[in-house]
Amino acid sequence: MDPPPPPLEYMTCLGDLYSVAWMEDRIELIDNLIFGSDVAPLVLKTVRPFGQALVDDWVCLKTVVQAFELHCGSLTQYGMKYMRAFANICNEGVSKDGMEEACGNVCGSYNSAKWSPFIHGYSA
């Protein structure tokens, strides 16, 4: 006899954990595609000096976030922690087309309807 399935609230938590792991993996893969696996971890975690703005080009930041959400789904509240990583992508001069291509390659087959920015709105 098979054991009973876990309670529904456990399934929700497992789904949330899966979503978190999936998002972390996607952001890491996108950075690796753009910068290469040797440089990407440094770019991902770069913190600018005190008093310096998070990003040089706020329009770029909005565009990069929208490119991610279009291909990979909404950042959700948890994903906001990656805003610095997206800012660093802009600060390194990555173009909108470069970000679109990387996101498309990494998340292109992902069915993001559940987290679609068309349903939830863009985060930026």
PDB file of N, CA and C in Angstrom:
ATOM      1  N   MET A   1       0.830  -1.166   0.000  1.00  0.00           N
ATOM      2  CA  MET A   1       0.000   0.000   0.000  1.00  0.00           C
ATOM      3  C   MET A   1       0.894   1.256   0.000  1.00  0.00           C
ATOM      4  N   ASP A   2       0.533   2.234  -0.833  1.00  0.00           N
ATOM      5  CA  ASP A   2       1.291   3.472  -0.928  1.00  0.00           C
ATOM      6  C   ASP A   2       1.004   4.372   0.267  1.00  0.00           C
ATOM      7  N   PRO A   3       2.023   5.101   0.717  1.00  0.00           N
ATOM      8  CA  PRO A   3       1.784   6.048   1.810  1.00  0.00           C
ATOM      9  C   PRO A   3       0.878   7.180   1.322  1.00  0.00           C
ATOM     10  N   PRO A   4       0.141   7.810   2.229  1.00  0.00           N
ATOM     11  CA  PRO A   4      -0.733   8.903   1.810  1.00  0.00           C
ATOM     12  C   PRO A   4       0.096  10.094   1.332  1.00  0.00           C
ATOM     13  N   PRO A   5      -0.447  10.900   0.436  1.00  0.00           N
ATOM     14  CA  PRO A   5       0.292  12.084  -0.018  1.00  0.00           C
ATOM     15  C   PRO A   5       0.445  13.087   1.124  1.00  0.00           C
ATOM     16  N   PRO A   6       1.450  13.955   1.043  1.00  0.00           N
ATOM     17  CA  PRO A   6       1.610  14.955   2.102  1.00  0.00           C
ATOM     18  C   PRO A   6       0.417  15.913   2.109  1.00  0.00           C
ATOM     19  N   PRO A   7       0.173  16.559   3.242  1.00  0.00           N
ATOM     20  CA  PRO A   7      -0.917  17.534   3.308  1.00  0.00           C
ATOM     21  C   PRO A   7      -0.716  18.650   2.286  1.00  0.00           C
ATOM     22  N   LEU A   8      -1.804  19.266   1.867  1.00  0.00           N
ATOM     23  CA  LEU A   8      -1.763  20.301   0.840  1.00  0.00           C
ATOM     24  C   LEU A   8      -0.810  21.437   1.197  1.00  0.00           C
ATOM     25  N   GLU A   9      -0.785  21.839   2.472  1.00  0.00           N
ATOM     26  CA  GLU A   9       0.100  22.951   2.850  1.00  0.00           C
ATOM     27  C   GLU A   9       1.574  22.586   2.653  1.00  0.00           C
ATOM     28  N   TYR A  10       1.919  21.300   2.772  1.00  0.00           N
ATOM     29  CA  TYR A  10       3.279  20.866   2.495  1.00  0.00           C
ATOM     30  C   TYR A  10       3.577  20.967   1.006  1.00  0.00           C
ATOM     31  N   MET A  11       2.615  20.597   0.193  1.00  0.00           N
ATOM     32  CA  MET A  11       2.803  20.660  -1.254  1.00  0.00           C
ATOM     33  C   MET A  11       3.038  22.098  -1.695  1.00  0.00           C
ATOM     34  N   THR A  12       2.333  23.037  -1.080  1.00  0.00           N
ATOM     35  CA  THR A  12       2.532  24.443  -1.403  1.00  0.00           C
ATOM     36  C   THR A  12       3.953  24.865  -1.057  1.00  0.00           C
ATOM     37  N   CYS A  13       4.428  24.466   0.111  1.00  0.00           N
ATOM     38  CA  CYS A  13       5.789  24.811   0.520  1.00  0.00           C
ATOM     39  C   CYS A  13       6.825  24.198  -0.419  1.00  0.00           C
ATOM     40  N   LEU A  14       6.616  22.945  -0.795  1.00  0.00           N
ATOM     41  CA  LEU A  14       7.541  22.289  -1.729  1.00  0.00           C
ATOM     42  C   LEU A  14       7.543  23.001  -3.070  1.00  0.00           C
ATOM     43  N   GLY A  15       6.368  23.417  -3.517  1.00  0.00           N
ATOM     44  CA  GLY A  15       6.285  24.164  -4.765  1.00  0.00           C
ATOM     45  C   GLY A  15       7.022  25.487  -4.669  1.00  0.00           C
ATOM     46  N   ASP A  16       6.909  26.163  -3.537  1.00  0.00           N
ATOM     47  CA  ASP A  16       7.620  27.424  -3.334  1.00  0.00           C
ATOM     48  C   ASP A  16       9.125  27.206  -3.340  1.00  0.00           C
ATOM     49  N   LEU A  17       9.584  26.147  -2.667  1.00  0.00           N
ATOM     50  CA  LEU A  17      11.011  25.846  -2.658  1.00  0.00           C
ATOM     51  C   LEU A  17      11.512  25.521  -4.057  1.00  0.00           C
ATOM     52  N   TYR A  18      10.716  24.790  -4.817  1.00  0.00           N
ATOM     53  CA  TYR A  18      11.089  24.484  -6.198  1.00  0.00           C
ATOM     54  C   TYR A  18      11.196  25.770  -6.997  1.00  0.00           C
ATOM     55  N   SER A  19      10.250  26.681  -6.826  1.00  0.00           N
ATOM     56  CA  SER A  19      10.266  27.944  -7.560  1.00  0.00           C
ATOM     57  C   SER A  19      11.501  28.765  -7.217  1.00  0.00           C
ATOM     58  N   VAL A  20      11.871  28.791  -5.949  1.00  0.00           N
ATOM     59  CA  VAL A  20      13.054  29.531  -5.509  1.00  0.00           C
ATOM     60  C   VAL A  20      14.307  28.930  -6.150  1.00  0.00           C
ATOM     61  N   ALA A  21      14.453  27.620  -6.066  1.00  0.00           N
ATOM     62  CA  ALA A  21      15.627  26.959  -6.651  1.00  0.00           C
ATOM     63  C   ALA A  21      15.675  27.170  -8.156  1.00  0.00           C
ATOM     64  N   TRP A  22      14.514  27.088  -8.808  1.00  0.00           N
ATOM     65  CA  TRP A  22      14.453  27.280 -10.255  1.00  0.00           C
ATOM     66  C   TRP A  22      14.926  28.691 -10.616  1.00  0.00           C
ATOM     67  N   MET A  23      14.437  29.694  -9.886  1.00  0.00           N
ATOM     68  CA  MET A  23      14.808  31.073 -10.189  1.00  0.00           C
ATOM     69  C   MET A  23      16.302  31.304  -9.962  1.00  0.00           C
ATOM     70  N   GLU A  24      16.823  30.801  -8.871  1.00  0.00           N
ATOM     71  CA  GLU A  24      18.256  30.956  -8.595  1.00  0.00           C
ATOM     72  C   GLU A  24      19.089  30.321  -9.704  1.00  0.00           C
ATOM     73  N   ASP A  25      18.699  29.143 -10.144  1.00  0.00           N
ATOM     74  CA  ASP A  25      19.413  28.476 -11.232  1.00  0.00           C
ATOM     75  C   ASP A  25      19.344  29.286 -12.521  1.00  0.00           C
ATOM     76  N   ARG A  26      18.175  29.832 -12.843  1.00  0.00           N
ATOM     77  CA  ARG A  26      18.021  30.607 -14.083  1.00  0.00           C
ATOM     78  C   ARG A  26      18.911  31.840 -14.057  1.00  0.00           C
ATOM     79  N   ILE A  27      18.936  32.561 -12.958  1.00  0.00           N
ATOM     80  CA  ILE A  27      19.741  33.777 -12.884  1.00  0.00           C
ATOM     81  C   ILE A  27      21.219  33.438 -13.005  1.00  0.00           C
ATOM     82  N   GLU A  28      21.641  32.366 -12.365  1.00  0.00           N
ATOM     83  CA  GLU A  28      23.034  31.932 -12.472  1.00  0.00           C
ATOM     84  C   GLU A  28      23.373  31.529 -13.914  1.00  0.00           C
ATOM     85  N   LEU A  29      22.490  30.789 -14.567  1.00  0.00           N
ATOM     86  CA  LEU A  29      22.734  30.373 -15.954  1.00  0.00           C
ATOM     87  C   LEU A  29      22.787  31.572 -16.906  1.00  0.00           C
ATOM     88  N   ILE A  30      21.904  32.535 -16.702  1.00  0.00           N
ATOM     89  CA  ILE A  30      21.906  33.743 -17.541  1.00  0.00           C
ATOM     90  C   ILE A  30      23.218  34.490 -17.376  1.00  0.00           C
ATOM     91  N   ASP A  31      23.668  34.673 -16.140  1.00  0.00           N
ATOM     92  CA  ASP A  31      24.944  35.348 -15.906  1.00  0.00           C
ATOM     93  C   ASP A  31      26.102  34.579 -16.521  1.00  0.00           C
ATOM     94  N   ASN A  32      26.064  33.247 -16.425  1.00  0.00           N
ATOM     95  CA  ASN A  32      27.125  32.442 -17.034  1.00  0.00           C
ATOM     96  C   ASN A  32      27.142  32.599 -18.549  1.00  0.00           C
ATOM     97  N   LEU A  33      25.977  32.669 -19.165  1.00  0.00           N
ATOM     98  CA  LEU A  33      25.918  32.866 -20.623  1.00  0.00           C
ATOM     99  C   LEU A  33      26.476  34.232 -21.020  1.00  0.00           C
ATOM    100  N   ILE A  34      26.152  35.237 -20.246  1.00  0.00           N
ATOM    101  CA  ILE A  34      26.575  36.602 -20.588  1.00  0.00           C
ATOM    102  C   ILE A  34      28.058  36.824 -20.309  1.00  0.00           C
ATOM    103  N   PHE A  35      28.528  36.388 -19.134  1.00  0.00           N
ATOM    104  CA  PHE A  35      29.879  36.732 -18.692  1.00  0.00           C
ATOM    105  C   PHE A  35      30.869  35.578 -18.694  1.00  0.00           C
ATOM    106  N   GLY A  36      30.389  34.353 -18.830  1.00  0.00           N
ATOM    107  CA  GLY A  36      31.261  33.195 -18.715  1.00  0.00           C
ATOM    108  C   GLY A  36      31.303  32.728 -17.266  1.00  0.00           C
ATOM    109  N   SER A  37      31.538  31.453 -17.081  1.00  0.00           N
ATOM    110  CA  SER A  37      31.434  30.863 -15.740  1.00  0.00           C
ATOM    111  C   SER A  37      32.524  31.329 -14.779  1.00  0.00           C
ATOM    112  N   ASP A  38      33.645  31.846 -15.298  1.00  0.00           N
ATOM    113  CA  ASP A  38      34.710  32.330 -14.413  1.00  0.00           C
ATOM    114  C   ASP A  38      34.386  33.701 -13.827  1.00  0.00           C
ATOM    115  N   VAL A  39      33.778  34.568 -14.625  1.00  0.00           N
ATOM    116  CA  VAL A  39      33.528  35.950 -14.225  1.00  0.00           C
ATOM    117  C   VAL A  39      32.144  36.139 -13.606  1.00  0.00           C
ATOM    118  N   ALA A  40      31.176  35.339 -14.037  1.00  0.00           N
ATOM    119  CA  ALA A  40      29.778  35.533 -13.619  1.00  0.00           C
ATOM    120  C   ALA A  40      29.584  35.619 -12.103  1.00  0.00           C
ATOM    121  N   PRO A  41      30.192  34.736 -11.299  1.00  0.00           N
ATOM    122  CA  PRO A  41      29.956  34.850  -9.856  1.00  0.00           C
ATOM    123  C   PRO A  41      30.428  36.180  -9.277  1.00  0.00           C
ATOM    124  N   LEU A  42      31.492  36.732  -9.826  1.00  0.00           N
ATOM    125  CA  LEU A  42      31.987  38.028  -9.345  1.00  0.00           C
ATOM    126  C   LEU A  42      31.026  39.150  -9.705  1.00  0.00           C
ATOM    127  N   VAL A  43      30.536  39.128 -10.936  1.00  0.00           N
ATOM    128  CA  VAL A  43      29.602  40.159 -11.386  1.00  0.00           C
ATOM    129  C   VAL A  43      28.299  40.064 -10.604  1.00  0.00           C
ATOM    130  N   LEU A  44      27.830  38.856 -10.389  1.00  0.00           N
ATOM    131  CA  LEU A  44      26.565  38.623  -9.706  1.00  0.00           C
ATOM    132  C   LEU A  44      26.564  39.230  -8.303  1.00  0.00           C
ATOM    133  N   LYS A  45      27.694  39.187  -7.621  1.00  0.00           N
ATOM    134  CA  LYS A  45      27.754  39.604  -6.216  1.00  0.00           C
ATOM    135  C   LYS A  45      28.469  40.930  -5.975  1.00  0.00           C
ATOM    136  N   THR A  46      28.817  41.638  -7.024  1.00  0.00           N
ATOM    137  CA  THR A  46      29.506  42.911  -6.863  1.00  0.00           C
ATOM    138  C   THR A  46      28.627  43.909  -6.122  1.00  0.00           C
ATOM    139  N   VAL A  47      29.220  44.566  -5.137  1.00  0.00           N
ATOM    140  CA  VAL A  47      28.533  45.629  -4.395  1.00  0.00           C
ATOM    141  C   VAL A  47      29.314  46.907  -4.634  1.00  0.00           C
ATOM    142  N   ARG A  48      28.611  47.945  -5.054  1.00  0.00           N
ATOM    143  CA  ARG A  48      29.262  49.220  -5.337  1.00  0.00           C
ATOM    144  C   ARG A  48      29.611  49.938  -4.035  1.00  0.00           C
ATOM    145  N   PRO A  49      30.578  50.849  -4.110  1.00  0.00           N
ATOM    146  CA  PRO A  49      30.994  51.591  -2.907  1.00  0.00           C
ATOM    147  C   PRO A  49      29.841  52.408  -2.305  1.00  0.00           C
ATOM    148  N   PHE A  50      29.928  52.640  -1.020  1.00  0.00           N
ATOM    149  CA  PHE A  50      28.932  53.426  -0.298  1.00  0.00           C
ATOM    150  C   PHE A  50      28.759  54.787  -0.975  1.00  0.00           C
ATOM    151  N   GLY A  51      27.533  55.181  -1.150  1.00  0.00           N
ATOM    152  CA  GLY A  51      27.231  56.477  -1.750  1.00  0.00           C
ATOM    153  C   GLY A  51      27.057  56.434  -3.261  1.00  0.00           C
ATOM    154  N   GLN A  52      27.470  55.351  -3.886  1.00  0.00           N
ATOM    155  CA  GLN A  52      27.305  55.217  -5.339  1.00  0.00           C
ATOM    156  C   GLN A  52      25.961  54.551  -5.617  1.00  0.00           C
ATOM    157  N   ALA A  53      25.275  55.033  -6.635  1.00  0.00           N
ATOM    158  CA  ALA A  53      23.956  54.486  -6.982  1.00  0.00           C
ATOM    159  C   ALA A  53      24.061  53.004  -7.329  1.00  0.00           C
ATOM    160  N   LEU A  54      22.975  52.286  -7.118  1.00  0.00           N
ATOM    161  CA  LEU A  54      22.899  50.865  -7.438  1.00  0.00           C
ATOM    162  C   LEU A  54      23.211  50.610  -8.903  1.00  0.00           C
ATOM    163  N   VAL A  55      22.711  51.486  -9.772  1.00  0.00           N
ATOM    164  CA  VAL A  55      22.857  51.299 -11.211  1.00  0.00           C
ATOM    165  C   VAL A  55      23.085  52.656 -11.866  1.00  0.00           C
ATOM    166  N   ASP A  56      23.854  52.662 -12.954  1.00  0.00           N
ATOM    167  CA  ASP A  56      24.111  53.900 -13.685  1.00  0.00           C
ATOM    168  C   ASP A  56      22.940  54.283 -14.577  1.00  0.00           C
ATOM    169  N   ASP A  57      22.251  53.297 -15.105  1.00  0.00           N
ATOM    170  CA  ASP A  57      21.175  53.529 -16.076  1.00  0.00           C
ATOM    171  C   ASP A  57      19.905  52.823 -15.602  1.00  0.00           C
ATOM    172  N   TRP A  58      18.988  53.599 -15.012  1.00  0.00           N
ATOM    173  CA  TRP A  58      17.763  53.026 -14.454  1.00  0.00           C
ATOM    174  C   TRP A  58      16.846  52.477 -15.540  1.00  0.00           C
ATOM    175  N   VAL A  59      16.885  53.053 -16.720  1.00  0.00           N
ATOM    176  CA  VAL A  59      16.088  52.530 -17.831  1.00  0.00           C
ATOM    177  C   VAL A  59      16.596  51.142 -18.212  1.00  0.00           C
ATOM    178  N   CYS A  60      17.909  50.974 -18.200  1.00  0.00           N
ATOM    179  CA  CYS A  60      18.492  49.660 -18.481  1.00  0.00           C
ATOM    180  C   CYS A  60      18.012  48.641 -17.451  1.00  0.00           C
ATOM    181  N   LEU A  61      18.023  49.019 -16.179  1.00  0.00           N
ATOM    182  CA  LEU A  61      17.592  48.088 -15.129  1.00  0.00           C
ATOM    183  C   LEU A  61      16.154  47.644 -15.366  1.00  0.00           C
ATOM    184  N   LYS A  62      15.300  48.585 -15.679  1.00  0.00           N
ATOM    185  CA  LYS A  62      13.897  48.252 -15.948  1.00  0.00           C
ATOM    186  C   LYS A  62      13.795  47.312 -17.154  1.00  0.00           C
ATOM    187  N   THR A  63      14.561  47.591 -18.186  1.00  0.00           N
ATOM    188  CA  THR A  63      14.545  46.784 -19.406  1.00  0.00           C
ATOM    189  C   THR A  63      15.054  45.367 -19.144  1.00  0.00           C
ATOM    190  N   VAL A  64      16.115  45.245 -18.353  1.00  0.00           N
ATOM    191  CA  VAL A  64      16.699  43.937 -18.046  1.00  0.00           C
ATOM    192  C   VAL A  64      15.716  43.095 -17.221  1.00  0.00           C
ATOM    193  N   VAL A  65      15.083  43.724 -16.247  1.00  0.00           N
ATOM    194  CA  VAL A  65      14.098  43.001 -15.427  1.00  0.00           C
ATOM    195  C   VAL A  65      12.921  42.556 -16.293  1.00  0.00           C
ATOM    196  N   GLN A  66      12.463  43.429 -17.167  1.00  0.00           N
ATOM    197  CA  GLN A  66      11.348  43.075 -18.039  1.00  0.00           C
ATOM    198  C   GLN A  66      11.723  41.953 -19.000  1.00  0.00           C
ATOM    199  N   ALA A  67      12.955  41.951 -19.493  1.00  0.00           N
ATOM    200  CA  ALA A  67      13.410  40.862 -20.367  1.00  0.00           C
ATOM    201  C   ALA A  67      13.388  39.535 -19.609  1.00  0.00           C
ATOM    202  N   PHE A  68      13.878  39.556 -18.367  1.00  0.00           N
ATOM    203  CA  PHE A  68      13.857  38.344 -17.555  1.00  0.00           C
ATOM    204  C   PHE A  68      12.417  37.866 -17.350  1.00  0.00           C
ATOM    205  N   GLU A  69      11.544  38.781 -16.949  1.00  0.00           N
ATOM    206  CA  GLU A  69      10.160  38.400 -16.650  1.00  0.00           C
ATOM    207  C   GLU A  69       9.398  37.940 -17.890  1.00  0.00           C
ATOM    208  N   LEU A  70       9.711  38.520 -19.019  1.00  0.00           N
ATOM    209  CA  LEU A  70       9.042  38.119 -20.255  1.00  0.00           C
ATOM    210  C   LEU A  70       9.355  36.666 -20.600  1.00  0.00           C
ATOM    211  N   HIS A  71      10.608  36.269 -20.409  1.00  0.00           N
ATOM    212  CA  HIS A  71      11.036  34.917 -20.784  1.00  0.00           C
ATOM    213  C   HIS A  71      10.943  33.910 -19.643  1.00  0.00           C
ATOM    214  N   CYS A  72      11.140  34.382 -18.413  1.00  0.00           N
ATOM    215  CA  CYS A  72      11.277  33.460 -17.279  1.00  0.00           C
ATOM    216  C   CYS A  72      10.151  33.564 -16.253  1.00  0.00           C
ATOM    217  N   GLY A  73       9.276  34.537 -16.396  1.00  0.00           N
ATOM    218  CA  GLY A  73       8.192  34.717 -15.434  1.00  0.00           C
ATOM    219  C   GLY A  73       8.518  35.799 -14.422  1.00  0.00           C
ATOM    220  N   SER A  74       7.533  36.181 -13.664  1.00  0.00           N
ATOM    221  CA  SER A  74       7.665  37.260 -12.696  1.00  0.00           C
ATOM    222  C   SER A  74       8.733  36.949 -11.656  1.00  0.00           C
ATOM    223  N   LEU A  75       9.439  37.985 -11.227  1.00  0.00           N
ATOM    224  CA  LEU A  75      10.455  37.806 -10.196  1.00  0.00           C
ATOM    225  C   LEU A  75       9.851  37.381  -8.866  1.00  0.00           C
ATOM    226  N   THR A  76       8.649  37.760  -8.599  1.00  0.00           N
ATOM    227  CA  THR A  76       7.984  37.549  -7.313  1.00  0.00           C
ATOM    228  C   THR A  76       8.737  38.310  -6.226  1.00  0.00           C
ATOM    229  N   GLN A  77       8.207  38.303  -5.044  1.00  0.00           N
ATOM    230  CA  GLN A  77       8.841  39.017  -3.935  1.00  0.00           C
ATOM    231  C   GLN A  77      10.233  38.458  -3.654  1.00  0.00           C
ATOM    232  N   TYR A  78      10.365  37.141  -3.682  1.00  0.00           N
ATOM    233  CA  TYR A  78      11.659  36.515  -3.422  1.00  0.00           C
ATOM    234  C   TYR A  78      12.708  36.969  -4.438  1.00  0.00           C
ATOM    235  N   GLY A  79      12.314  37.034  -5.693  1.00  0.00           N
ATOM    236  CA  GLY A  79      13.254  37.373  -6.755  1.00  0.00           C
ATOM    237  C   GLY A  79      13.799  38.787  -6.687  1.00  0.00           C
ATOM    238  N   MET A  80      13.154  39.638  -5.912  1.00  0.00           N
ATOM    239  CA  MET A  80      13.642  41.015  -5.780  1.00  0.00           C
ATOM    240  C   MET A  80      15.058  41.052  -5.208  1.00  0.00           C
ATOM    241  N   LYS A  81      15.456  39.999  -4.528  1.00  0.00           N
ATOM    242  CA  LYS A  81      16.805  39.968  -3.966  1.00  0.00           C
ATOM    243  C   LYS A  81      17.873  39.965  -5.073  1.00  0.00           C
ATOM    244  N   TYR A  82      17.453  39.678  -6.294  1.00  0.00           N
ATOM    245  CA  TYR A  82      18.392  39.652  -7.418  1.00  0.00           C
ATOM    246  C   TYR A  82      18.458  40.984  -8.169  1.00  0.00           C
ATOM    247  N   MET A  83      17.823  42.004  -7.658  1.00  0.00           N
ATOM    248  CA  MET A  83      17.847  43.301  -8.324  1.00  0.00           C
ATOM    249  C   MET A  83      19.277  43.813  -8.482  1.00  0.00           C
ATOM    250  N   ARG A  84      20.123  43.570  -7.481  1.00  0.00           N
ATOM    251  CA  ARG A  84      21.531  43.985  -7.593  1.00  0.00           C
ATOM    252  C   ARG A  84      22.217  43.255  -8.741  1.00  0.00           C
ATOM    253  N   ALA A  85      21.916  41.974  -8.924  1.00  0.00           N
ATOM    254  CA  ALA A  85      22.511  41.217 -10.029  1.00  0.00           C
ATOM    255  C   ALA A  85      22.089  41.816 -11.364  1.00  0.00           C
ATOM    256  N   PHE A  86      20.820  42.181 -11.486  1.00  0.00           N
ATOM    257  CA  PHE A  86      20.352  42.809 -12.719  1.00  0.00           C
ATOM    258  C   PHE A  86      21.005  44.174 -12.910  1.00  0.00           C
ATOM    259  N   ALA A  87      21.168  44.922 -11.829  1.00  0.00           N
ATOM    260  CA  ALA A  87      21.846  46.220 -11.908  1.00  0.00           C
ATOM    261  C   ALA A  87      23.284  46.029 -12.377  1.00  0.00           C
ATOM    262  N   ASN A  88      23.943  45.000 -11.863  1.00  0.00           N
ATOM    263  CA  ASN A  88      25.331  44.731 -12.265  1.00  0.00           C
ATOM    264  C   ASN A  88      25.424  44.362 -13.743  1.00  0.00           C
ATOM    265  N   ILE A  89      24.413  43.680 -14.258  1.00  0.00           N
ATOM    266  CA  ILE A  89      24.380  43.373 -15.686  1.00  0.00           C
ATOM    267  C   ILE A  89      24.373  44.676 -16.482  1.00  0.00           C
ATOM    268  N   CYS A  90      23.566  45.630 -16.051  1.00  0.00           N
ATOM    269  CA  CYS A  90      23.523  46.933 -16.727  1.00  0.00           C
ATOM    270  C   CYS A  90      24.845  47.677 -16.564  1.00  0.00           C
ATOM    271  N   ASN A  91      25.394  47.671 -15.358  1.00  0.00           N
ATOM    272  CA  ASN A  91      26.637  48.398 -15.090  1.00  0.00           C
ATOM    273  C   ASN A  91      27.805  47.841 -15.899  1.00  0.00           C
ATOM    274  N   GLU A  92      27.692  46.599 -16.324  1.00  0.00           N
ATOM    275  CA  GLU A  92      28.723  45.991 -17.172  1.00  0.00           C
ATOM    276  C   GLU A  92      28.481  46.254 -18.653  1.00  0.00           C
ATOM    277  N   GLY A  93      27.407  46.979 -18.972  1.00  0.00           N
ATOM    278  CA  GLY A  93      27.168  47.380 -20.359  1.00  0.00           C
ATOM    279  C   GLY A  93      26.484  46.351 -21.233  1.00  0.00           C
ATOM    280  N   VAL A  94      25.818  45.381 -20.633  1.00  0.00           N
ATOM    281  CA  VAL A  94      25.104  44.367 -21.418  1.00  0.00           C
ATOM    282  C   VAL A  94      23.901  45.029 -22.086  1.00  0.00           C
ATOM    283  N   SER A  95      23.727  44.763 -23.367  1.00  0.00           N
ATOM    284  CA  SER A  95      22.633  45.374 -24.122  1.00  0.00           C
ATOM    285  C   SER A  95      21.310  44.657 -23.847  1.00  0.00           C
ATOM    286  N   LYS A  96      20.224  45.324 -24.202  1.00  0.00           N
ATOM    287  CA  LYS A  96      18.898  44.709 -24.097  1.00  0.00           C
ATOM    288  C   LYS A  96      18.857  43.434 -24.936  1.00  0.00           C
ATOM    289  N   ASP A  97      19.406  43.491 -26.136  1.00  0.00           N
ATOM    290  CA  ASP A  97      19.410  42.312 -27.010  1.00  0.00           C
ATOM    291  C   ASP A  97      20.202  41.157 -26.397  1.00  0.00           C
ATOM    292  N   GLY A  98      21.324  41.482 -25.753  1.00  0.00           N
ATOM    293  CA  GLY A  98      22.126  40.450 -25.095  1.00  0.00           C
ATOM    294  C   GLY A  98      21.372  39.782 -23.964  1.00  0.00           C
ATOM    295  N   MET A  99      20.664  40.588 -23.193  1.00  0.00           N
ATOM    296  CA  MET A  99      19.864  40.040 -22.088  1.00  0.00           C
ATOM    297  C   MET A  99      18.690  39.229 -22.618  1.00  0.00           C
ATOM    298  N   GLU A 100      18.022  39.747 -23.656  1.00  0.00           N
ATOM    299  CA  GLU A 100      16.896  39.014 -24.266  1.00  0.00           C
ATOM    300  C   GLU A 100      17.366  37.653 -24.778  1.00  0.00           C
ATOM    301  N   GLU A 101      18.505  37.637 -25.436  1.00  0.00           N
ATOM    302  CA  GLU A 101      19.018  36.383 -25.983  1.00  0.00           C
ATOM    303  C   GLU A 101      19.357  35.393 -24.875  1.00  0.00           C
ATOM    304  N   ALA A 102      20.039  35.864 -23.832  1.00  0.00           N
ATOM    305  CA  ALA A 102      20.404  34.977 -22.726  1.00  0.00           C
ATOM    306  C   ALA A 102      19.155  34.431 -22.030  1.00  0.00           C
ATOM    307  N   CYS A 103      18.190  35.299 -21.760  1.00  0.00           N
ATOM    308  CA  CYS A 103      16.948  34.859 -21.097  1.00  0.00           C
ATOM    309  C   CYS A 103      16.182  33.886 -21.986  1.00  0.00           C
ATOM    310  N   GLY A 104      16.132  34.172 -23.268  1.00  0.00           N
ATOM    311  CA  GLY A 104      15.449  33.272 -24.199  1.00  0.00           C
ATOM    312  C   GLY A 104      16.104  31.909 -24.252  1.00  0.00           C
ATOM    313  N   ASN A 105      17.435  31.880 -24.236  1.00  0.00           N
ATOM    314  CA  ASN A 105      18.158  30.605 -24.272  1.00  0.00           C
ATOM    315  C   ASN A 105      17.964  29.803 -22.994  1.00  0.00           C
ATOM    316  N   VAL A 106      17.942  30.487 -21.868  1.00  0.00           N
ATOM    317  CA  VAL A 106      17.835  29.793 -20.580  1.00  0.00           C
ATOM    318  C   VAL A 106      16.394  29.418 -20.247  1.00  0.00           C
ATOM    319  N   CYS A 107      15.466  30.305 -20.545  1.00  0.00           N
ATOM    320  CA  CYS A 107      14.077  30.098 -20.106  1.00  0.00           C
ATOM    321  C   CYS A 107      13.106  29.907 -21.264  1.00  0.00           C
ATOM    322  N   GLY A 108      13.613  29.826 -22.475  1.00  0.00           N
ATOM    323  CA  GLY A 108      12.755  29.812 -23.650  1.00  0.00           C
ATOM    324  C   GLY A 108      11.642  28.796 -23.650  1.00  0.00           C
ATOM    325  N   SER A 109      11.879  27.620 -23.092  1.00  0.00           N
ATOM    326  CA  SER A 109      10.843  26.586 -23.112  1.00  0.00           C
ATOM    327  C   SER A 109      10.003  26.581 -21.845  1.00  0.00           C
ATOM    328  N   TYR A 110      10.284  27.491 -20.929  1.00  0.00           N
ATOM    329  CA  TYR A 110       9.554  27.546 -19.668  1.00  0.00           C
ATOM    330  C   TYR A 110       8.161  28.106 -19.894  1.00  0.00           C
ATOM    331  N   ASN A 111       7.159  27.420 -19.385  1.00  0.00           N
ATOM    332  CA  ASN A 111       5.790  27.915 -19.471  1.00  0.00           C
ATOM    333  C   ASN A 111       5.552  28.836 -18.284  1.00  0.00           C
ATOM    334  N   SER A 112       5.706  30.115 -18.520  1.00  0.00           N
ATOM    335  CA  SER A 112       5.644  31.078 -17.428  1.00  0.00           C
ATOM    336  C   SER A 112       4.252  31.649 -17.228  1.00  0.00           C
ATOM    337  N   ALA A 113       3.229  31.006 -17.753  1.00  0.00           N
ATOM    338  CA  ALA A 113       1.874  31.566 -17.655  1.00  0.00           C
ATOM    339  C   ALA A 113       1.475  31.843 -16.210  1.00  0.00           C
ATOM    340  N   LYS A 114       1.851  30.956 -15.294  1.00  0.00           N
ATOM    341  CA  LYS A 114       1.490  31.143 -13.888  1.00  0.00           C
ATOM    342  C   LYS A 114       2.071  32.439 -13.335  1.00  0.00           C
ATOM    343  N   TRP A 115       3.270  32.792 -13.760  1.00  0.00           N
ATOM    344  CA  TRP A 115       3.957  33.980 -13.243  1.00  0.00           C
ATOM    345  C   TRP A 115       4.121  35.046 -14.316  1.00  0.00           C
ATOM    346  N   SER A 116       3.289  35.018 -15.315  1.00  0.00           N
ATOM    347  CA  SER A 116       3.405  35.939 -16.439  1.00  0.00           C
ATOM    348  C   SER A 116       3.279  37.394 -15.997  1.00  0.00           C
ATOM    349  N   PRO A 117       4.166  38.262 -16.520  1.00  0.00           N
ATOM    350  CA  PRO A 117       4.037  39.685 -16.208  1.00  0.00           C
ATOM    351  C   PRO A 117       2.764  40.281 -16.807  1.00  0.00           C
ATOM    352  N   PHE A 118       2.180  39.597 -17.792  1.00  0.00           N
ATOM    353  CA  PHE A 118       0.930  40.085 -18.369  1.00  0.00           C
ATOM    354  C   PHE A 118      -0.228  39.903 -17.378  1.00  0.00           C
ATOM    355  N   ILE A 119      -0.067  38.948 -16.469  1.00  0.00           N
ATOM    356  CA  ILE A 119      -1.072  38.697 -15.441  1.00  0.00           C
ATOM    357  C   ILE A 119      -0.760  39.482 -14.173  1.00  0.00           C
ATOM    358  N   HIS A 120       0.497  39.427 -13.728  1.00  0.00           N
ATOM    359  CA  HIS A 120       0.904  40.033 -12.466  1.00  0.00           C
ATOM    360  C   HIS A 120       1.498  41.434 -12.621  1.00  0.00           C
ATOM    361  N   GLY A 121       1.813  41.841 -13.817  1.00  0.00           N
ATOM    362  CA  GLY A 121       2.488  43.113 -14.048  1.00  0.00           C
ATOM    363  C   GLY A 121       3.986  42.948 -13.901  1.00  0.00           C
ATOM    364  N   TYR A 122       4.739  43.860 -14.476  1.00  0.00           N
ATOM    365  CA  TYR A 122       6.194  43.817 -14.381  1.00  0.00           C
ATOM    366  C   TYR A 122       6.630  44.300 -13.005  1.00  0.00           C
ATOM    367  N   SER A 123       7.759  43.795 -12.531  1.00  0.00           N
ATOM    368  CA  SER A 123       8.292  44.222 -11.243  1.00  0.00           C
ATOM    369  C   SER A 123       8.997  45.557 -11.333  1.00  0.00           C
ATOM    370  N   ALA A 124       9.443  45.895 -12.521  1.00  0.00           N
ATOM    371  CA  ALA A 124      10.160  47.176 -12.681  1.00  0.00           C
ATOM    372  C   ALA A 124       9.500  48.002 -13.760  1.00  0.00           C
TER     373      ALA A 124
END
